[in-house]
Amino acid sequence: MVVLIEAAAVAALLMGLPLISARRSVKKISLSGILYFLGVGAGFMLAEMYLIYKLVLVLGDPIISMTVVLAGLLVFSGIGGMLSSRLPDRSIPYVLLLVAAVLFVTFAGTEWLFQGILVMPEGIRQAAAVGMLVPIGLVLGLPFPMGMQYLLDSPLERAYGWAANGCTSVIGSIAAAQIAVSKGLSTILVAAVAAYLVSWAAVVAARGRRGND
C-alpha cells in the first residue's frame, strides 16, 4: 500500500508540474481527454495483470504466463492499433463499451475454458492461452490510438495524454497486486472494466458539452 501511495504521489507531481509551468496553455488542455487517457492506461494495465495472474493457473509457471501475456498483448494490441485508423471518431464510445464487454466475457468464460484445458498437454494449453489473447488484445489496442487521433488537437495535449496514460499504467500494475491480495483476482478485472467506463463517460460528457456549444 505504501508503494501504491508513493507511486500515486509521484504521478500527481509529474502531472501537476507541467500545468504549473505552462499556465497560459492550461486552457488548451482537454480535461476530459486527459481523463480518457487516465482510464485507458489504468484499464489496459489492470487487464494485463489479471491475465498474467490468471494464466499462471493454466500454464503452471509465472514466467511463462508473463511471457505469453506480454508478447500476445503487444502483438495483438498492435494489430488493433493499426485497425483503429479505419474507425470513425464517433465510434469511440462504442469501442470502449466493446472493450468492457470483452473483458466481462473474459471474466465469465475463463473458469469454463480453464477447466477444459487444464488436463491437456502443455503445448495445447499455451496455444489456447494465446488464442484467448487474440480478441482481448485486438480491442485493447483500439482506444489509445483513437484517442490520440480524434480527441486531442495540439501537441501539448497529446504529450499530456501520453503522460497520463503512462502514469496510470504504472499505478495500475501496483494496484493490481494490492487488489489481488485483498479482494481477489476477479476484482482486478472489475476494476479494469470500471476504468474503461470512466473513459467512456469522459468521451460522452465531452461530446455533450460540444453539442451544447
N, C-alpha and C. Protein backbone atom coordinates (compact mmCIF):
# COMPACT_ATOMS: atom_id res chain seq x y z
N MET A 1 0.82 -1.20 0.00
CA MET A 1 0.00 0.00 0.00
C MET A 1 0.86 1.26 0.00
N VAL A 2 1.99 1.20 0.73
CA VAL A 2 2.89 2.36 0.78
C VAL A 2 3.43 2.66 -0.61
N VAL A 3 3.81 1.60 -1.32
CA VAL A 3 4.35 1.78 -2.68
C VAL A 3 3.29 2.39 -3.59
N LEU A 4 2.04 1.95 -3.44
CA LEU A 4 0.95 2.48 -4.26
C LEU A 4 0.75 3.97 -3.98
N ILE A 5 0.78 4.34 -2.71
CA ILE A 5 0.61 5.76 -2.35
C ILE A 5 1.77 6.59 -2.90
N GLU A 6 2.98 6.05 -2.79
CA GLU A 6 4.14 6.77 -3.30
C GLU A 6 4.05 6.95 -4.81
N ALA A 7 3.64 5.89 -5.52
CA ALA A 7 3.52 5.97 -6.97
C ALA A 7 2.46 6.99 -7.37
N ALA A 8 1.33 6.99 -6.64
CA ALA A 8 0.27 7.96 -6.95
C ALA A 8 0.74 9.38 -6.69
N ALA A 9 1.52 9.58 -5.62
CA ALA A 9 2.03 10.92 -5.31
C ALA A 9 3.00 11.40 -6.38
N VAL A 10 3.89 10.51 -6.82
CA VAL A 10 4.84 10.88 -7.88
C VAL A 10 4.10 11.18 -9.17
N ALA A 11 3.09 10.37 -9.49
CA ALA A 11 2.31 10.60 -10.71
C ALA A 11 1.59 11.95 -10.65
N ALA A 12 1.02 12.26 -9.49
CA ALA A 12 0.34 13.56 -9.34
C ALA A 12 1.32 14.71 -9.51
N LEU A 13 2.53 14.54 -8.99
CA LEU A 13 3.56 15.57 -9.13
C LEU A 13 3.95 15.74 -10.59
N LEU A 14 4.17 14.62 -11.27
CA LEU A 14 4.58 14.68 -12.67
C LEU A 14 3.47 15.26 -13.56
N MET A 15 2.22 14.98 -13.20
CA MET A 15 1.11 15.53 -13.97
C MET A 15 0.85 16.99 -13.65
N GLY A 16 1.14 17.38 -12.40
CA GLY A 16 0.83 18.74 -11.99
C GLY A 16 1.87 19.77 -12.38
N LEU A 17 3.14 19.37 -12.39
CA LEU A 17 4.20 20.33 -12.69
C LEU A 17 4.06 20.98 -14.06
N PRO A 18 3.73 20.21 -15.12
CA PRO A 18 3.56 20.87 -16.43
C PRO A 18 2.45 21.91 -16.42
N LEU A 19 1.38 21.64 -15.66
CA LEU A 19 0.28 22.61 -15.59
C LEU A 19 0.72 23.90 -14.91
N ILE A 20 1.55 23.75 -13.88
CA ILE A 20 2.02 24.93 -13.16
C ILE A 20 2.98 25.75 -14.01
N SER A 21 3.85 25.05 -14.74
CA SER A 21 4.87 25.74 -15.53
C SER A 21 4.34 26.28 -16.85
N ALA A 22 3.15 25.85 -17.24
CA ALA A 22 2.59 26.31 -18.52
C ALA A 22 1.16 26.77 -18.32
N ARG A 23 0.97 27.70 -17.40
CA ARG A 23 -0.38 28.15 -17.05
C ARG A 23 -1.11 28.74 -18.25
N ARG A 24 -0.38 29.40 -19.11
CA ARG A 24 -1.03 30.03 -20.26
C ARG A 24 -1.60 29.00 -21.23
N SER A 25 -1.09 27.76 -21.14
CA SER A 25 -1.54 26.72 -22.06
C SER A 25 -2.57 25.80 -21.45
N VAL A 26 -2.89 26.02 -20.17
CA VAL A 26 -3.81 25.11 -19.48
C VAL A 26 -5.15 25.03 -20.19
N LYS A 27 -5.62 26.18 -20.70
CA LYS A 27 -6.93 26.19 -21.34
C LYS A 27 -6.94 25.34 -22.60
N LYS A 28 -5.78 25.08 -23.15
CA LYS A 28 -5.70 24.29 -24.37
C LYS A 28 -5.73 22.79 -24.09
N ILE A 29 -5.63 22.42 -22.82
CA ILE A 29 -5.62 21.01 -22.46
C ILE A 29 -7.05 20.56 -22.16
N SER A 30 -7.49 19.54 -22.86
CA SER A 30 -8.82 18.99 -22.65
C SER A 30 -8.81 18.09 -21.43
N LEU A 31 -9.48 18.51 -20.37
CA LEU A 31 -9.51 17.71 -19.15
C LEU A 31 -10.25 16.39 -19.37
N SER A 32 -11.30 16.42 -20.18
CA SER A 32 -12.00 15.17 -20.48
C SER A 32 -11.10 14.23 -21.27
N GLY A 33 -10.28 14.79 -22.16
CA GLY A 33 -9.34 13.96 -22.91
C GLY A 33 -8.30 13.34 -22.01
N ILE A 34 -7.81 14.11 -21.03
CA ILE A 34 -6.83 13.57 -20.09
C ILE A 34 -7.46 12.48 -19.24
N LEU A 35 -8.70 12.70 -18.79
CA LEU A 35 -9.41 11.68 -18.02
C LEU A 35 -9.59 10.41 -18.84
N TYR A 36 -9.84 10.58 -20.12
CA TYR A 36 -9.95 9.44 -21.03
C TYR A 36 -8.68 8.60 -20.98
N PHE A 37 -7.53 9.25 -21.09
CA PHE A 37 -6.27 8.50 -21.12
C PHE A 37 -5.89 7.95 -19.76
N LEU A 38 -6.30 8.61 -18.70
CA LEU A 38 -6.10 8.03 -17.37
C LEU A 38 -6.83 6.70 -17.25
N GLY A 39 -8.08 6.67 -17.71
CA GLY A 39 -8.86 5.45 -17.66
C GLY A 39 -8.33 4.36 -18.56
N VAL A 40 -7.93 4.73 -19.78
CA VAL A 40 -7.41 3.75 -20.73
C VAL A 40 -6.11 3.13 -20.22
N GLY A 41 -5.22 3.97 -19.67
CA GLY A 41 -3.96 3.45 -19.15
C GLY A 41 -4.16 2.49 -17.99
N ALA A 42 -5.02 2.87 -17.06
CA ALA A 42 -5.30 2.01 -15.91
C ALA A 42 -6.00 0.73 -16.34
N GLY A 43 -6.98 0.86 -17.23
CA GLY A 43 -7.74 -0.31 -17.67
C GLY A 43 -6.88 -1.33 -18.38
N PHE A 44 -6.00 -0.86 -19.27
CA PHE A 44 -5.13 -1.78 -20.01
C PHE A 44 -4.22 -2.54 -19.04
N MET A 45 -3.59 -1.81 -18.13
CA MET A 45 -2.65 -2.46 -17.22
C MET A 45 -3.35 -3.42 -16.27
N LEU A 46 -4.50 -3.04 -15.76
CA LEU A 46 -5.24 -3.93 -14.86
C LEU A 46 -5.66 -5.20 -15.58
N ALA A 47 -6.12 -5.07 -16.83
CA ALA A 47 -6.49 -6.25 -17.60
C ALA A 47 -5.28 -7.13 -17.86
N GLU A 48 -4.16 -6.51 -18.18
CA GLU A 48 -2.93 -7.26 -18.43
C GLU A 48 -2.48 -8.02 -17.19
N MET A 49 -2.50 -7.37 -16.04
CA MET A 49 -2.08 -8.02 -14.81
C MET A 49 -3.03 -9.15 -14.43
N TYR A 50 -4.33 -8.96 -14.66
CA TYR A 50 -5.29 -10.03 -14.39
C TYR A 50 -4.96 -11.26 -15.22
N LEU A 51 -4.68 -11.05 -16.50
CA LEU A 51 -4.38 -12.17 -17.39
C LEU A 51 -3.10 -12.88 -16.98
N ILE A 52 -2.08 -12.12 -16.57
CA ILE A 52 -0.83 -12.73 -16.12
C ILE A 52 -1.08 -13.61 -14.90
N TYR A 53 -1.78 -13.06 -13.92
CA TYR A 53 -2.06 -13.83 -12.70
C TYR A 53 -2.92 -15.05 -13.01
N LYS A 54 -3.93 -14.87 -13.83
CA LYS A 54 -4.90 -15.94 -14.09
C LYS A 54 -4.29 -17.07 -14.90
N LEU A 55 -3.46 -16.72 -15.88
CA LEU A 55 -2.90 -17.76 -16.75
C LEU A 55 -1.82 -18.57 -16.07
N VAL A 56 -1.34 -18.12 -14.92
CA VAL A 56 -0.42 -18.96 -14.14
C VAL A 56 -1.09 -20.29 -13.80
N LEU A 57 -2.40 -20.25 -13.56
CA LEU A 57 -3.14 -21.46 -13.21
C LEU A 57 -3.16 -22.46 -14.35
N VAL A 58 -3.10 -21.96 -15.58
CA VAL A 58 -3.16 -22.83 -16.75
C VAL A 58 -1.76 -23.23 -17.21
N LEU A 59 -0.86 -22.28 -17.22
CA LEU A 59 0.48 -22.53 -17.77
C LEU A 59 1.44 -23.07 -16.72
N GLY A 60 1.11 -22.91 -15.45
CA GLY A 60 1.90 -23.54 -14.40
C GLY A 60 3.18 -22.84 -14.01
N ASP A 61 3.47 -21.71 -14.62
CA ASP A 61 4.72 -21.00 -14.33
C ASP A 61 4.50 -19.51 -14.52
N PRO A 62 4.81 -18.70 -13.52
CA PRO A 62 4.57 -17.26 -13.66
C PRO A 62 5.40 -16.60 -14.75
N ILE A 63 6.61 -17.12 -14.98
CA ILE A 63 7.46 -16.53 -16.03
C ILE A 63 6.87 -16.81 -17.41
N ILE A 64 6.42 -18.05 -17.62
CA ILE A 64 5.79 -18.40 -18.90
C ILE A 64 4.51 -17.59 -19.09
N SER A 65 3.73 -17.46 -18.02
CA SER A 65 2.49 -16.69 -18.10
C SER A 65 2.77 -15.24 -18.48
N MET A 66 3.76 -14.64 -17.83
CA MET A 66 4.09 -13.25 -18.14
C MET A 66 4.58 -13.11 -19.58
N THR A 67 5.40 -14.06 -20.02
CA THR A 67 5.92 -14.01 -21.39
C THR A 67 4.80 -14.11 -22.41
N VAL A 68 3.90 -15.07 -22.20
CA VAL A 68 2.80 -15.28 -23.14
C VAL A 68 1.89 -14.05 -23.19
N VAL A 69 1.53 -13.53 -22.02
CA VAL A 69 0.60 -12.39 -21.97
C VAL A 69 1.24 -11.13 -22.55
N LEU A 70 2.46 -10.83 -22.14
CA LEU A 70 3.12 -9.61 -22.64
C LEU A 70 3.31 -9.67 -24.15
N ALA A 71 3.83 -10.80 -24.63
CA ALA A 71 4.06 -10.93 -26.07
C ALA A 71 2.75 -10.91 -26.83
N GLY A 72 1.76 -11.66 -26.32
CA GLY A 72 0.48 -11.73 -27.01
C GLY A 72 -0.22 -10.38 -27.08
N LEU A 73 -0.25 -9.68 -25.96
CA LEU A 73 -0.93 -8.38 -25.96
C LEU A 73 -0.18 -7.35 -26.79
N LEU A 74 1.15 -7.40 -26.77
CA LEU A 74 1.92 -6.46 -27.61
C LEU A 74 1.60 -6.66 -29.08
N VAL A 75 1.57 -7.92 -29.51
CA VAL A 75 1.31 -8.22 -30.92
C VAL A 75 -0.13 -7.87 -31.30
N PHE A 76 -1.08 -8.39 -30.53
CA PHE A 76 -2.49 -8.25 -30.92
C PHE A 76 -3.03 -6.84 -30.67
N SER A 77 -2.55 -6.18 -29.62
CA SER A 77 -2.97 -4.79 -29.42
C SER A 77 -2.34 -3.89 -30.48
N GLY A 78 -1.14 -4.27 -30.94
CA GLY A 78 -0.53 -3.52 -32.04
C GLY A 78 -1.36 -3.64 -33.32
N ILE A 79 -1.85 -4.85 -33.59
CA ILE A 79 -2.73 -5.03 -34.75
C ILE A 79 -4.02 -4.23 -34.56
N GLY A 80 -4.56 -4.27 -33.35
CA GLY A 80 -5.75 -3.47 -33.06
C GLY A 80 -5.51 -1.99 -33.28
N GLY A 81 -4.31 -1.54 -32.89
CA GLY A 81 -3.97 -0.14 -33.10
C GLY A 81 -3.94 0.23 -34.57
N MET A 82 -3.42 -0.67 -35.40
CA MET A 82 -3.41 -0.41 -36.85
C MET A 82 -4.82 -0.37 -37.42
N LEU A 83 -5.67 -1.26 -36.93
CA LEU A 83 -7.05 -1.29 -37.42
C LEU A 83 -7.86 -0.08 -36.96
N SER A 84 -7.43 0.56 -35.88
CA SER A 84 -8.20 1.67 -35.32
C SER A 84 -8.32 2.84 -36.29
N SER A 85 -7.35 2.99 -37.19
CA SER A 85 -7.39 4.12 -38.13
C SER A 85 -8.55 4.01 -39.10
N ARG A 86 -9.15 2.84 -39.21
CA ARG A 86 -10.28 2.64 -40.12
C ARG A 86 -11.62 2.99 -39.47
N LEU A 87 -11.59 3.24 -38.18
CA LEU A 87 -12.83 3.52 -37.46
C LEU A 87 -13.05 5.02 -37.34
N PRO A 88 -14.28 5.49 -37.49
CA PRO A 88 -14.55 6.93 -37.37
C PRO A 88 -14.53 7.39 -35.92
N ASP A 89 -14.40 8.69 -35.73
CA ASP A 89 -14.31 9.21 -34.37
C ASP A 89 -15.59 8.98 -33.56
N ARG A 90 -16.72 8.94 -34.22
CA ARG A 90 -17.99 8.75 -33.50
C ARG A 90 -18.10 7.35 -32.87
N SER A 91 -17.21 6.44 -33.27
CA SER A 91 -17.28 5.07 -32.75
C SER A 91 -16.54 4.90 -31.44
N ILE A 92 -15.84 5.93 -30.96
CA ILE A 92 -15.03 5.78 -29.74
C ILE A 92 -15.86 5.30 -28.54
N PRO A 93 -17.03 5.90 -28.24
CA PRO A 93 -17.80 5.39 -27.10
C PRO A 93 -18.19 3.93 -27.25
N TYR A 94 -18.51 3.51 -28.47
CA TYR A 94 -18.90 2.12 -28.70
C TYR A 94 -17.70 1.19 -28.57
N VAL A 95 -16.52 1.66 -28.97
CA VAL A 95 -15.31 0.87 -28.81
C VAL A 95 -15.03 0.62 -27.33
N LEU A 96 -15.19 1.65 -26.52
CA LEU A 96 -14.96 1.49 -25.08
C LEU A 96 -15.96 0.52 -24.45
N LEU A 97 -17.20 0.58 -24.89
CA LEU A 97 -18.20 -0.38 -24.40
C LEU A 97 -17.87 -1.79 -24.88
N LEU A 98 -17.32 -1.90 -26.10
CA LEU A 98 -16.90 -3.20 -26.61
C LEU A 98 -15.77 -3.77 -25.76
N VAL A 99 -14.81 -2.93 -25.40
CA VAL A 99 -13.72 -3.37 -24.53
C VAL A 99 -14.27 -3.89 -23.21
N ALA A 100 -15.18 -3.13 -22.60
CA ALA A 100 -15.78 -3.55 -21.34
C ALA A 100 -16.51 -4.87 -21.49
N ALA A 101 -17.21 -5.05 -22.61
CA ALA A 101 -17.96 -6.28 -22.85
C ALA A 101 -17.02 -7.47 -23.02
N VAL A 102 -15.94 -7.28 -23.78
CA VAL A 102 -14.97 -8.36 -23.99
C VAL A 102 -14.32 -8.76 -22.67
N LEU A 103 -13.99 -7.79 -21.85
CA LEU A 103 -13.41 -8.11 -20.54
C LEU A 103 -14.41 -8.84 -19.65
N PHE A 104 -15.68 -8.46 -19.74
CA PHE A 104 -16.71 -9.15 -18.96
C PHE A 104 -16.85 -10.60 -19.42
N VAL A 105 -16.84 -10.81 -20.73
CA VAL A 105 -16.92 -12.17 -21.27
C VAL A 105 -15.70 -12.98 -20.85
N THR A 106 -14.54 -12.32 -20.83
CA THR A 106 -13.32 -12.98 -20.36
C THR A 106 -13.48 -13.43 -18.92
N PHE A 107 -14.01 -12.55 -18.10
CA PHE A 107 -14.24 -12.88 -16.69
C PHE A 107 -15.20 -14.06 -16.56
N ALA A 108 -16.26 -14.05 -17.36
CA ALA A 108 -17.28 -15.09 -17.26
C ALA A 108 -16.82 -16.41 -17.85
N GLY A 109 -15.94 -16.35 -18.86
CA GLY A 109 -15.59 -17.56 -19.59
C GLY A 109 -14.30 -18.23 -19.20
N THR A 110 -13.45 -17.56 -18.43
CA THR A 110 -12.14 -18.15 -18.13
C THR A 110 -12.24 -19.43 -17.31
N GLU A 111 -13.12 -19.44 -16.31
CA GLU A 111 -13.23 -20.63 -15.48
C GLU A 111 -13.66 -21.83 -16.31
N TRP A 112 -14.64 -21.62 -17.17
CA TRP A 112 -15.12 -22.70 -18.03
C TRP A 112 -14.03 -23.16 -18.98
N LEU A 113 -13.32 -22.21 -19.57
CA LEU A 113 -12.25 -22.54 -20.51
C LEU A 113 -11.11 -23.26 -19.81
N PHE A 114 -10.73 -22.78 -18.65
CA PHE A 114 -9.59 -23.37 -17.96
C PHE A 114 -9.88 -24.79 -17.51
N GLN A 115 -11.10 -25.06 -17.09
CA GLN A 115 -11.45 -26.41 -16.68
C GLN A 115 -11.30 -27.40 -17.83
N GLY A 116 -11.55 -26.91 -19.05
CA GLY A 116 -11.47 -27.79 -20.21
C GLY A 116 -10.06 -28.06 -20.69
N ILE A 117 -9.12 -27.15 -20.41
CA ILE A 117 -7.77 -27.31 -20.97
C ILE A 117 -6.71 -27.67 -19.93
N LEU A 118 -7.06 -27.68 -18.66
CA LEU A 118 -6.07 -27.98 -17.64
C LEU A 118 -5.46 -29.37 -17.79
N VAL A 119 -6.24 -30.31 -18.31
CA VAL A 119 -5.76 -31.69 -18.43
C VAL A 119 -5.02 -31.92 -19.75
N MET A 120 -4.95 -30.93 -20.60
CA MET A 120 -4.32 -31.08 -21.91
C MET A 120 -2.81 -30.88 -21.82
N PRO A 121 -2.08 -31.34 -22.84
CA PRO A 121 -0.63 -31.15 -22.85
C PRO A 121 -0.24 -29.67 -22.80
N GLU A 122 1.00 -29.42 -22.40
CA GLU A 122 1.46 -28.05 -22.20
C GLU A 122 1.36 -27.21 -23.46
N GLY A 123 1.74 -27.78 -24.60
CA GLY A 123 1.70 -27.03 -25.86
C GLY A 123 0.30 -26.57 -26.22
N ILE A 124 -0.68 -27.43 -25.99
CA ILE A 124 -2.07 -27.07 -26.29
C ILE A 124 -2.55 -25.99 -25.33
N ARG A 125 -2.16 -26.09 -24.07
CA ARG A 125 -2.55 -25.07 -23.10
C ARG A 125 -1.97 -23.70 -23.47
N GLN A 126 -0.73 -23.70 -23.92
CA GLN A 126 -0.11 -22.44 -24.34
C GLN A 126 -0.79 -21.87 -25.58
N ALA A 127 -1.12 -22.76 -26.53
CA ALA A 127 -1.81 -22.30 -27.74
C ALA A 127 -3.19 -21.75 -27.40
N ALA A 128 -3.89 -22.41 -26.48
CA ALA A 128 -5.21 -21.92 -26.07
C ALA A 128 -5.11 -20.56 -25.38
N ALA A 129 -4.06 -20.39 -24.59
CA ALA A 129 -3.86 -19.10 -23.91
C ALA A 129 -3.61 -17.99 -24.93
N VAL A 130 -2.79 -18.27 -25.93
CA VAL A 130 -2.53 -17.28 -26.98
C VAL A 130 -3.81 -16.97 -27.74
N GLY A 131 -4.58 -18.02 -28.05
CA GLY A 131 -5.84 -17.81 -28.76
C GLY A 131 -6.81 -16.95 -27.98
N MET A 132 -6.83 -17.11 -26.66
CA MET A 132 -7.70 -16.29 -25.83
C MET A 132 -7.29 -14.82 -25.86
N LEU A 133 -6.00 -14.58 -26.07
CA LEU A 133 -5.50 -13.21 -26.07
C LEU A 133 -5.81 -12.46 -27.36
N VAL A 134 -6.17 -13.19 -28.43
CA VAL A 134 -6.40 -12.52 -29.72
C VAL A 134 -7.51 -11.48 -29.63
N PRO A 135 -8.74 -11.85 -29.26
CA PRO A 135 -9.80 -10.83 -29.22
C PRO A 135 -9.55 -9.77 -28.15
N ILE A 136 -8.97 -10.19 -27.02
CA ILE A 136 -8.71 -9.22 -25.95
C ILE A 136 -7.70 -8.18 -26.42
N GLY A 137 -6.59 -8.66 -27.00
CA GLY A 137 -5.56 -7.74 -27.46
C GLY A 137 -6.05 -6.81 -28.56
N LEU A 138 -6.85 -7.33 -29.48
CA LEU A 138 -7.35 -6.50 -30.58
C LEU A 138 -8.17 -5.33 -30.07
N VAL A 139 -9.08 -5.59 -29.13
CA VAL A 139 -9.93 -4.49 -28.64
C VAL A 139 -9.18 -3.57 -27.69
N LEU A 140 -8.24 -4.11 -26.92
CA LEU A 140 -7.47 -3.26 -26.02
C LEU A 140 -6.56 -2.31 -26.78
N GLY A 141 -6.22 -2.68 -28.01
CA GLY A 141 -5.35 -1.82 -28.81
C GLY A 141 -6.06 -0.68 -29.50
N LEU A 142 -7.38 -0.62 -29.43
CA LEU A 142 -8.13 0.42 -30.14
C LEU A 142 -8.20 1.77 -29.43
N PRO A 143 -8.50 1.84 -28.14
CA PRO A 143 -8.80 3.14 -27.53
C PRO A 143 -7.65 4.15 -27.54
N PHE A 144 -6.42 3.71 -27.28
CA PHE A 144 -5.32 4.68 -27.17
C PHE A 144 -5.07 5.42 -28.49
N PRO A 145 -4.84 4.73 -29.60
CA PRO A 145 -4.59 5.48 -30.84
C PRO A 145 -5.80 6.28 -31.31
N MET A 146 -7.01 5.77 -31.06
CA MET A 146 -8.20 6.53 -31.44
C MET A 146 -8.31 7.82 -30.63
N GLY A 147 -7.97 7.75 -29.35
CA GLY A 147 -7.98 8.95 -28.53
C GLY A 147 -6.95 9.96 -29.00
N MET A 148 -5.76 9.48 -29.34
CA MET A 148 -4.72 10.37 -29.84
C MET A 148 -5.14 11.04 -31.15
N GLN A 149 -5.82 10.28 -31.99
CA GLN A 149 -6.18 10.80 -33.31
C GLN A 149 -7.37 11.75 -33.27
N TYR A 150 -8.36 11.42 -32.46
CA TYR A 150 -9.63 12.15 -32.54
C TYR A 150 -9.92 13.09 -31.37
N LEU A 151 -9.37 12.82 -30.19
CA LEU A 151 -9.77 13.58 -29.01
C LEU A 151 -8.84 14.74 -28.67
N LEU A 152 -7.58 14.63 -29.06
CA LEU A 152 -6.59 15.65 -28.70
C LEU A 152 -6.13 16.38 -29.95
N ASP A 153 -6.10 17.69 -29.87
CA ASP A 153 -5.82 18.51 -31.05
C ASP A 153 -4.38 19.01 -31.13
N SER A 154 -3.81 19.40 -30.00
CA SER A 154 -2.50 20.06 -30.02
C SER A 154 -1.40 19.11 -29.56
N PRO A 155 -0.14 19.39 -29.92
CA PRO A 155 0.99 18.59 -29.42
C PRO A 155 1.06 18.56 -27.90
N LEU A 156 0.70 19.68 -27.26
CA LEU A 156 0.70 19.74 -25.80
C LEU A 156 -0.30 18.75 -25.22
N GLU A 157 -1.48 18.70 -25.79
CA GLU A 157 -2.50 17.76 -25.31
C GLU A 157 -2.05 16.32 -25.51
N ARG A 158 -1.45 16.03 -26.66
CA ARG A 158 -1.02 14.66 -26.94
C ARG A 158 0.09 14.23 -25.98
N ALA A 159 1.02 15.14 -25.73
CA ALA A 159 2.09 14.82 -24.78
C ALA A 159 1.52 14.57 -23.38
N TYR A 160 0.57 15.38 -23.00
CA TYR A 160 -0.03 15.25 -21.68
C TYR A 160 -0.88 13.98 -21.60
N GLY A 161 -1.59 13.67 -22.68
CA GLY A 161 -2.37 12.44 -22.71
C GLY A 161 -1.48 11.21 -22.61
N TRP A 162 -0.34 11.24 -23.30
CA TRP A 162 0.61 10.13 -23.24
C TRP A 162 1.14 9.98 -21.82
N ALA A 163 1.45 11.11 -21.18
CA ALA A 163 1.95 11.07 -19.80
C ALA A 163 0.90 10.52 -18.85
N ALA A 164 -0.35 10.94 -19.03
CA ALA A 164 -1.44 10.45 -18.18
C ALA A 164 -1.60 8.95 -18.32
N ASN A 165 -1.53 8.46 -19.55
CA ASN A 165 -1.63 7.04 -19.82
C ASN A 165 -0.50 6.27 -19.14
N GLY A 166 0.72 6.80 -19.24
CA GLY A 166 1.86 6.14 -18.63
C GLY A 166 1.79 6.11 -17.12
N CYS A 167 1.37 7.21 -16.53
CA CYS A 167 1.28 7.29 -15.06
C CYS A 167 0.29 6.27 -14.51
N THR A 168 -0.89 6.20 -15.11
CA THR A 168 -1.88 5.25 -14.59
C THR A 168 -1.52 3.81 -14.94
N SER A 169 -0.71 3.60 -15.97
CA SER A 169 -0.23 2.25 -16.25
C SER A 169 0.65 1.75 -15.11
N VAL A 170 1.54 2.62 -14.64
CA VAL A 170 2.41 2.25 -13.52
C VAL A 170 1.59 2.03 -12.25
N ILE A 171 0.68 2.96 -11.98
CA ILE A 171 -0.16 2.83 -10.79
C ILE A 171 -1.03 1.57 -10.88
N GLY A 172 -1.54 1.28 -12.08
CA GLY A 172 -2.38 0.11 -12.26
C GLY A 172 -1.67 -1.20 -11.96
N SER A 173 -0.39 -1.30 -12.36
CA SER A 173 0.36 -2.52 -12.10
C SER A 173 0.57 -2.74 -10.61
N ILE A 174 0.80 -1.65 -9.89
CA ILE A 174 0.98 -1.76 -8.43
C ILE A 174 -0.36 -2.05 -7.75
N ALA A 175 -1.40 -1.36 -8.20
CA ALA A 175 -2.73 -1.55 -7.61
C ALA A 175 -3.23 -2.97 -7.82
N ALA A 176 -2.89 -3.57 -8.97
CA ALA A 176 -3.36 -4.93 -9.26
C ALA A 176 -2.87 -5.91 -8.20
N ALA A 177 -1.61 -5.77 -7.79
CA ALA A 177 -1.08 -6.66 -6.76
C ALA A 177 -1.82 -6.47 -5.44
N GLN A 178 -2.09 -5.22 -5.09
CA GLN A 178 -2.83 -4.94 -3.86
C GLN A 178 -4.25 -5.50 -3.91
N ILE A 179 -4.89 -5.33 -5.05
CA ILE A 179 -6.26 -5.82 -5.21
C ILE A 179 -6.31 -7.33 -5.15
N ALA A 180 -5.33 -7.99 -5.80
CA ALA A 180 -5.31 -9.45 -5.82
C ALA A 180 -5.20 -10.03 -4.41
N VAL A 181 -4.37 -9.40 -3.58
CA VAL A 181 -4.16 -9.89 -2.22
C VAL A 181 -5.38 -9.62 -1.34
N SER A 182 -5.95 -8.44 -1.46
CA SER A 182 -7.02 -8.04 -0.54
C SER A 182 -8.43 -8.43 -1.00
N LYS A 183 -8.65 -8.42 -2.33
CA LYS A 183 -10.01 -8.63 -2.84
C LYS A 183 -10.14 -9.83 -3.77
N GLY A 184 -9.04 -10.35 -4.28
CA GLY A 184 -9.11 -11.48 -5.20
C GLY A 184 -8.87 -11.07 -6.64
N LEU A 185 -8.53 -12.06 -7.48
CA LEU A 185 -8.18 -11.79 -8.88
C LEU A 185 -9.34 -11.20 -9.66
N SER A 186 -10.54 -11.69 -9.41
CA SER A 186 -11.69 -11.23 -10.19
C SER A 186 -11.90 -9.73 -10.05
N THR A 187 -11.58 -9.19 -8.88
CA THR A 187 -11.78 -7.76 -8.65
C THR A 187 -10.87 -6.92 -9.52
N ILE A 188 -9.71 -7.47 -9.91
CA ILE A 188 -8.81 -6.74 -10.80
C ILE A 188 -9.51 -6.46 -12.13
N LEU A 189 -10.18 -7.47 -12.66
CA LEU A 189 -10.86 -7.29 -13.94
C LEU A 189 -12.06 -6.36 -13.80
N VAL A 190 -12.74 -6.44 -12.67
CA VAL A 190 -13.84 -5.49 -12.41
C VAL A 190 -13.31 -4.06 -12.41
N ALA A 191 -12.14 -3.86 -11.80
CA ALA A 191 -11.53 -2.53 -11.78
C ALA A 191 -11.13 -2.09 -13.19
N ALA A 192 -10.66 -3.03 -14.01
CA ALA A 192 -10.31 -2.70 -15.39
C ALA A 192 -11.54 -2.23 -16.17
N VAL A 193 -12.64 -2.95 -16.02
CA VAL A 193 -13.89 -2.55 -16.69
C VAL A 193 -14.32 -1.17 -16.21
N ALA A 194 -14.22 -0.94 -14.91
CA ALA A 194 -14.61 0.37 -14.36
C ALA A 194 -13.75 1.49 -14.94
N ALA A 195 -12.46 1.22 -15.14
CA ALA A 195 -11.56 2.24 -15.70
C ALA A 195 -11.97 2.60 -17.12
N TYR A 196 -12.30 1.59 -17.93
CA TYR A 196 -12.74 1.87 -19.30
C TYR A 196 -14.08 2.59 -19.32
N LEU A 197 -14.93 2.31 -18.36
CA LEU A 197 -16.21 3.02 -18.29
C LEU A 197 -16.00 4.48 -17.89
N VAL A 198 -14.96 4.76 -17.10
CA VAL A 198 -14.61 6.15 -16.80
C VAL A 198 -14.22 6.87 -18.09
N SER A 199 -13.42 6.21 -18.92
CA SER A 199 -13.05 6.79 -20.21
C SER A 199 -14.27 7.02 -21.09
N TRP A 200 -15.17 6.06 -21.08
CA TRP A 200 -16.42 6.20 -21.84
C TRP A 200 -17.21 7.41 -21.37
N ALA A 201 -17.34 7.56 -20.06
CA ALA A 201 -18.08 8.69 -19.50
C ALA A 201 -17.42 10.02 -19.87
N ALA A 202 -16.09 10.04 -19.90
CA ALA A 202 -15.37 11.27 -20.26
C ALA A 202 -15.66 11.66 -21.70
N VAL A 203 -15.69 10.67 -22.60
CA VAL A 203 -15.98 10.96 -24.01
C VAL A 203 -17.41 11.45 -24.18
N VAL A 204 -18.35 10.76 -23.55
CA VAL A 204 -19.76 11.14 -23.67
C VAL A 204 -19.98 12.55 -23.12
N ALA A 205 -19.36 12.86 -21.97
CA ALA A 205 -19.52 14.18 -21.38
C ALA A 205 -18.92 15.26 -22.27
N ALA A 206 -17.75 14.98 -22.85
CA ALA A 206 -17.10 15.96 -23.71
C ALA A 206 -17.94 16.24 -24.95
N ARG A 207 -18.53 15.21 -25.52
CA ARG A 207 -19.34 15.41 -26.72
C ARG A 207 -20.66 16.09 -26.39
N GLY A 208 -21.15 15.84 -25.18
CA GLY A 208 -22.35 16.55 -24.76
C GLY A 208 -22.12 18.04 -24.63
N ARG A 209 -20.95 18.42 -24.11
CA ARG A 209 -20.61 19.84 -23.99
C ARG A 209 -20.43 20.48 -25.36
N ARG A 210 -19.80 19.73 -26.28
CA ARG A 210 -19.61 20.27 -27.63
C ARG A 210 -20.95 20.47 -28.32
N GLY A 211 -21.88 19.53 -28.07
CA GLY A 211 -23.20 19.66 -28.68
C GLY A 211 -23.95 20.88 -28.16
N ASN A 212 -23.76 21.16 -26.87
CA ASN A 212 -24.42 22.33 -26.29
C ASN A 212 -23.81 23.64 -26.79
N ASP A 213 -22.49 23.57 -27.07
CA ASP A 213 -21.83 24.77 -27.60
C ASP A 213 -22.25 25.05 -29.04
